[in-house]
C-alpha atoms as a PDB file:
ATOM      1  CA  MET A   1     -78.846 -21.804 -19.592  1.00  0.00           C
ATOM      2  CA  ALA A   2     -75.335 -22.649 -20.931  1.00  0.00           C
ATOM      3  CA  ALA A   3     -73.901 -26.054 -20.246  1.00  0.00           C
ATOM      4  CA  PRO A   4     -71.495 -26.344 -17.649  1.00  0.00           C
ATOM      5  CA  ASP A   5     -67.809 -26.202 -18.760  1.00  0.00           C
ATOM      6  CA  ASN A   6     -67.173 -29.823 -17.876  1.00  0.00           C
ATOM      7  CA  ILE A   7     -70.380 -31.174 -19.790  1.00  0.00           C
ATOM      8  CA  ILE A   8     -69.205 -31.606 -23.341  1.00  0.00           C
ATOM      9  CA  VAL A   9     -69.735 -34.226 -25.962  1.00  0.00           C
ATOM     10  CA  GLY A  10     -67.859 -37.386 -24.924  1.00  0.00           C
ATOM     11  CA  SER A  11     -68.218 -36.528 -21.227  1.00  0.00           C
ATOM     12  CA  HIS A  12     -69.092 -39.446 -18.932  1.00  0.00           C
ATOM     13  CA  VAL A  13     -72.096 -38.280 -16.923  1.00  0.00           C
ATOM     14  CA  TRP A  14     -74.983 -39.139 -14.597  1.00  0.00           C
ATOM     15  CA  VAL A  15     -78.573 -38.562 -15.595  1.00  0.00           C
ATOM     16  CA  GLU A  16     -81.696 -38.852 -13.790  1.00  0.00           C
ATOM     17  CA  ASP A  17     -83.733 -42.125 -14.326  1.00  0.00           C
ATOM     18  CA  PRO A  18     -87.315 -42.719 -12.985  1.00  0.00           C
ATOM     19  CA  VAL A  19     -86.500 -46.287 -11.890  1.00  0.00           C
ATOM     20  CA  LEU A  20     -82.854 -46.308 -10.990  1.00  0.00           C
ATOM     21  CA  ALA A  21     -82.639 -42.712  -9.840  1.00  0.00           C
ATOM     22  CA  TRP A  22     -79.380 -42.151 -11.525  1.00  0.00           C
ATOM     23  CA  ILE A  23     -77.790 -43.851 -14.600  1.00  0.00           C
ATOM     24  CA  ASP A  24     -74.319 -43.251 -16.168  1.00  0.00           C
ATOM     25  CA  GLY A  25     -73.667 -42.589 -19.797  1.00  0.00           C
ATOM     26  CA  GLU A  26     -71.715 -40.787 -22.432  1.00  0.00           C
ATOM     27  CA  ILE A  27     -72.824 -37.472 -23.889  1.00  0.00           C
ATOM     28  CA  THR A  28     -73.267 -37.953 -27.829  1.00  0.00           C
ATOM     29  CA  ARG A  29     -74.748 -34.544 -28.640  1.00  0.00           C
ATOM     30  CA  ILE A  30     -75.640 -31.214 -26.896  1.00  0.00           C
ATOM     31  CA  ASN A  31     -78.199 -28.805 -28.309  1.00  0.00           C
ATOM     32  CA  GLY A  32     -78.981 -25.892 -26.199  1.00  0.00           C
ATOM     33  CA  ASN A  33     -80.581 -27.366 -23.053  1.00  0.00           C
ATOM     34  CA  GLU A  34     -81.015 -30.834 -24.683  1.00  0.00           C
ATOM     35  CA  VAL A  35     -78.450 -33.516 -24.043  1.00  0.00           C
ATOM     36  CA  TYR A  36     -78.322 -36.889 -25.799  1.00  0.00           C
ATOM     37  CA  VAL A  37     -76.719 -39.512 -23.732  1.00  0.00           C
ATOM     38  CA  ASN A  38     -75.809 -43.210 -24.654  1.00  0.00           C
ATOM     39  CA  THR A  39     -76.549 -44.834 -21.272  1.00  0.00           C
ATOM     40  CA  ALA A  40     -74.891 -47.651 -19.769  1.00  0.00           C
ATOM     41  CA  ASN A  41     -78.154 -49.682 -19.456  1.00  0.00           C
ATOM     42  CA  GLY A  42     -78.806 -49.600 -23.122  1.00  0.00           C
ATOM     43  CA  LYS A  43     -81.070 -46.603 -23.693  1.00  0.00           C
ATOM     44  CA  LYS A  44     -79.340 -45.336 -26.757  1.00  0.00           C
ATOM     45  CA  ASP A  45     -79.130 -41.544 -27.462  1.00  0.00           C
ATOM     46  CA  ALA A  46     -81.667 -40.908 -24.675  1.00  0.00           C
ATOM     47  CA  LYS A  47     -82.573 -37.202 -24.704  1.00  0.00           C
ATOM     48  CA  VAL A  48     -82.298 -35.345 -21.586  1.00  0.00           C
ATOM     49  CA  SER A  49     -84.101 -31.996 -21.969  1.00  0.00           C
ATOM     50  CA  GLY A  50     -86.017 -29.238 -20.268  1.00  0.00           C
ATOM     51  CA  GLN A  51     -88.184 -28.516 -23.356  1.00  0.00           C
ATOM     52  CA  ASN A  52     -91.192 -30.021 -24.889  1.00  0.00           C
ATOM     53  CA  LYS A  53     -91.012 -30.560 -28.590  1.00  0.00           C
ATOM     54  CA  GLN A  54     -94.026 -31.713 -30.771  1.00  0.00           C
ATOM     55  CA  SER A  55     -92.493 -33.719 -33.483  1.00  0.00           C
ATOM     56  CA  SER A  56     -93.253 -37.562 -33.642  1.00  0.00           C
ATOM     57  CA  TYR A  57     -89.523 -38.263 -33.647  1.00  0.00           C
ATOM     58  CA  LEU A  58     -88.812 -36.483 -30.472  1.00  0.00           C
ATOM     59  CA  LYS A  59     -91.908 -37.867 -28.745  1.00  0.00           C
ATOM     60  CA  GLU A  60     -90.538 -41.342 -29.648  1.00  0.00           C
ATOM     61  CA  MET A  61     -87.174 -40.352 -28.376  1.00  0.00           C
ATOM     62  CA  GLU A  62     -88.857 -39.114 -24.984  1.00  0.00           C
ATOM     63  CA  LYS A  63     -90.127 -42.569 -24.496  1.00  0.00           C
ATOM     64  CA  LEU A  64     -86.503 -43.698 -24.145  1.00  0.00           C
ATOM     65  CA  ALA A  65     -85.494 -40.542 -22.425  1.00  0.00           C
ATOM     66  CA  VAL A  66     -84.496 -39.770 -18.913  1.00  0.00           C
ATOM     67  CA  ALA A  67     -86.340 -36.409 -18.845  1.00  0.00           C
ATOM     68  CA  SER A  68     -84.372 -33.531 -17.191  1.00  0.00           C
ATOM     69  CA  ASN A  69     -82.726 -30.196 -17.685  1.00  0.00           C
ATOM     70  CA  ILE A  70     -79.101 -29.955 -18.644  1.00  0.00           C
ATOM     71  CA  SER A  71     -78.573 -28.533 -15.128  1.00  0.00           C
ATOM     72  CA  LYS A  72     -79.562 -31.975 -13.890  1.00  0.00           C
ATOM     73  CA  VAL A  73     -76.721 -33.782 -15.700  1.00  0.00           C
ATOM     74  CA  PHE A  74     -73.778 -34.308 -13.500  1.00  0.00           C
ATOM     75  CA  PRO A  75     -70.227 -35.318 -14.495  1.00  0.00           C
ATOM     76  CA  LYS A  76     -69.073 -38.919 -13.524  1.00  0.00           C
ATOM     77  CA  ASP A  77     -65.697 -39.615 -12.015  1.00  0.00           C
ATOM     78  CA  THR A  78     -64.113 -42.023 -14.439  1.00  0.00           C
ATOM     79  CA  GLU A  79     -61.154 -42.495 -12.088  1.00  0.00           C
ATOM     80  CA  ALA A  80     -62.982 -43.483  -8.937  1.00  0.00           C
ATOM     81  CA  PRO A  81     -61.676 -46.751  -7.542  1.00  0.00           C
ATOM     82  CA  PRO A  82     -63.892 -49.868  -8.334  1.00  0.00           C
ATOM     83  CA  GLY A  83     -64.516 -50.498  -4.679  1.00  0.00           C
ATOM     84  CA  GLY A  84     -65.436 -46.889  -3.764  1.00  0.00           C
ATOM     85  CA  VAL A  85     -63.764 -44.551  -1.325  1.00  0.00           C
ATOM     86  CA  ASP A  86     -64.024 -44.832   2.576  1.00  0.00           C
ATOM     87  CA  ASP A  87     -64.271 -41.010   2.876  1.00  0.00           C
ATOM     88  CA  MET A  88     -66.466 -39.236   0.352  1.00  0.00           C
ATOM     89  CA  THR A  89     -64.394 -36.098   0.604  1.00  0.00           C
ATOM     90  CA  LYS A  90     -61.961 -37.913  -1.628  1.00  0.00           C
ATOM     91  CA  LEU A  91     -64.524 -38.062  -4.399  1.00  0.00           C
ATOM     92  CA  SER A  92     -63.753 -35.758  -7.375  1.00  0.00           C
ATOM     93  CA  TYR A  93     -67.505 -34.653  -7.415  1.00  0.00           C
ATOM     94  CA  LEU A  94     -69.444 -34.747  -4.145  1.00  0.00           C
ATOM     95  CA  HIS A  95     -73.048 -34.649  -5.810  1.00  0.00           C
ATOM     96  CA  GLU A  96     -76.006 -36.808  -5.252  1.00  0.00           C
ATOM     97  CA  PRO A  97     -75.315 -39.562  -8.060  1.00  0.00           C
ATOM     98  CA  GLY A  98     -71.645 -39.540  -6.935  1.00  0.00           C
ATOM     99  CA  VAL A  99     -72.481 -40.127  -3.270  1.00  0.00           C
ATOM    100  CA  LEU A 100     -75.111 -42.742  -4.010  1.00  0.00           C
ATOM    101  CA  GLN A 101     -72.919 -44.612  -6.420  1.00  0.00           C
ATOM    102  CA  ASN A 102     -70.012 -44.797  -3.745  1.00  0.00           C
ATOM    103  CA  LEU A 103     -72.449 -45.843  -1.073  1.00  0.00           C
ATOM    104  CA  ALA A 104     -73.887 -48.680  -3.319  1.00  0.00           C
ATOM    105  CA  THR A 105     -70.494 -49.856  -4.397  1.00  0.00           C
ATOM    106  CA  ARG A 106     -69.414 -49.983  -0.743  1.00  0.00           C
ATOM    107  CA  TYR A 107     -72.504 -51.751   0.270  1.00  0.00           C
ATOM    108  CA  GLU A 108     -72.167 -54.578  -2.261  1.00  0.00           C
ATOM    109  CA  LEU A 109     -68.768 -55.303  -0.710  1.00  0.00           C
ATOM    110  CA  ASN A 110     -70.406 -55.299   2.870  1.00  0.00           C
ATOM    111  CA  GLU A 111     -68.753 -52.055   3.761  1.00  0.00           C
ATOM    112  CA  ILE A 112     -71.817 -50.449   5.500  1.00  0.00           C
ATOM    113  CA  TYR A 113     -70.032 -47.460   7.035  1.00  0.00           C
ATOM    114  CA  THR A 114     -68.583 -44.574   4.996  1.00  0.00           C
ATOM    115  CA  TYR A 115     -67.172 -41.163   6.167  1.00  0.00           C
ATOM    116  CA  THR A 116     -67.905 -37.874   4.712  1.00  0.00           C
ATOM    117  CA  GLY A 117     -65.234 -35.840   6.571  1.00  0.00           C
ATOM    118  CA  ASN A 118     -65.968 -36.659  10.206  1.00  0.00           C
ATOM    119  CA  ILE A 119     -69.586 -37.715   9.709  1.00  0.00           C
ATOM    120  CA  LEU A 120     -70.324 -41.291   9.509  1.00  0.00           C
ATOM    121  CA  ILE A 121     -73.009 -42.552   7.068  1.00  0.00           C
ATOM    122  CA  ALA A 122     -74.336 -46.174   7.805  1.00  0.00           C
ATOM    123  CA  VAL A 123     -76.218 -48.066   5.314  1.00  0.00           C
ATOM    124  CA  ASN A 124     -78.571 -50.599   6.928  1.00  0.00           C
ATOM    125  CA  PRO A 125     -77.524 -54.174   5.912  1.00  0.00           C
ATOM    126  CA  PHE A 126     -80.836 -55.666   6.903  1.00  0.00           C
ATOM    127  CA  GLN A 127     -79.011 -58.604   8.539  1.00  0.00           C
ATOM    128  CA  ARG A 128     -77.158 -58.984  11.827  1.00  0.00           C
ATOM    129  CA  LEU A 129     -73.354 -58.257  11.599  1.00  0.00           C
ATOM    130  CA  PRO A 130     -72.123 -59.301  15.093  1.00  0.00           C
ATOM    131  CA  HIS A 131     -68.511 -59.310  14.019  1.00  0.00           C
ATOM    132  CA  LEU A 132     -68.721 -55.500  13.615  1.00  0.00           C
ATOM    133  CA  TYR A 133     -69.659 -55.036  17.254  1.00  0.00           C
ATOM    134  CA  ASP A 134     -67.644 -57.427  19.270  1.00  0.00           C
ATOM    135  CA  THR A 135     -65.109 -56.652  21.982  1.00  0.00           C
ATOM    136  CA  HIS A 136     -62.241 -57.251  19.684  1.00  0.00           C
ATOM    137  CA  MET A 137     -63.520 -54.616  17.151  1.00  0.00           C
ATOM    138  CA  MET A 138     -64.127 -52.072  19.963  1.00  0.00           C
ATOM    139  CA  GLU A 139     -60.566 -52.551  21.198  1.00  0.00           C
ATOM    140  CA  GLN A 140     -59.081 -51.875  17.721  1.00  0.00           C
ATOM    141  CA  TYR A 141     -60.730 -48.412  17.617  1.00  0.00           C
ATOM    142  CA  LYS A 142     -60.023 -47.526  21.236  1.00  0.00           C
ATOM    143  CA  GLY A 143     -57.630 -44.589  21.170  1.00  0.00           C
ATOM    144  CA  ALA A 144     -56.963 -44.988  17.317  1.00  0.00           C
ATOM    145  CA  THR A 145     -56.726 -41.662  15.411  1.00  0.00           C
ATOM    146  CA  PHE A 146     -59.917 -40.767  13.576  1.00  0.00           C
ATOM    147  CA  GLY A 147     -59.507 -42.067   9.939  1.00  0.00           C
ATOM    148  CA  GLU A 148     -56.701 -44.305  10.584  1.00  0.00           C
ATOM    149  CA  LEU A 149     -58.970 -47.433  10.546  1.00  0.00           C
ATOM    150  CA  SER A 150     -61.927 -48.244   8.305  1.00  0.00           C
ATOM    151  CA  PRO A 151     -65.079 -46.177   8.934  1.00  0.00           C
ATOM    152  CA  HIS A 152     -66.978 -47.454  11.882  1.00  0.00           C
ATOM    153  CA  VAL A 153     -69.381 -46.296  14.564  1.00  0.00           C
ATOM    154  CA  PHE A 154     -66.704 -47.211  17.331  1.00  0.00           C
ATOM    155  CA  ALA A 155     -64.304 -44.621  15.610  1.00  0.00           C
ATOM    156  CA  VAL A 156     -66.959 -41.898  15.945  1.00  0.00           C
ATOM    157  CA  GLY A 157     -67.719 -43.027  19.542  1.00  0.00           C
ATOM    158  CA  ASP A 158     -64.233 -43.098  20.642  1.00  0.00           C
ATOM    159  CA  ALA A 159     -63.452 -39.673  18.982  1.00  0.00           C
ATOM    160  CA  ALA A 160     -66.433 -38.084  20.878  1.00  0.00           C
ATOM    161  CA  TYR A 161     -65.320 -39.650  24.112  1.00  0.00           C
ATOM    162  CA  ARG A 162     -61.865 -38.302  23.807  1.00  0.00           C
END
């Protein structure tokens, strides 16, 4: 399989990681289905491949590798805002690692609600957030145009009611 056009040496990408799910890095080399990535967490020249090689060098590299096929390497949006986006249709790449990174970024900022179009995604904060559900908050969303205010369950409820 040929590499997608936007996956080239120097590209910032997401690669699968057995611990973190996805990790970002920069492609240093491409050889057929093999992609070598300097990852952000320090795994240098990690090999991403769909092939099994027998040499001791490659076996050693595979210990550091995030094993995958080039088809499982996804471009990273280097221009995404540091706080994420409130509607994921604004993302340059709507793929699993991009979505998960955006949700994680917003979660760290205590923004538990995110839209994907008119779909509301809620990430469980594992704590009570009474300020999100008081009467004042409900009144703010009453009659507001969908998407005018920050993502919230009240926005979806009001839009459904109307």
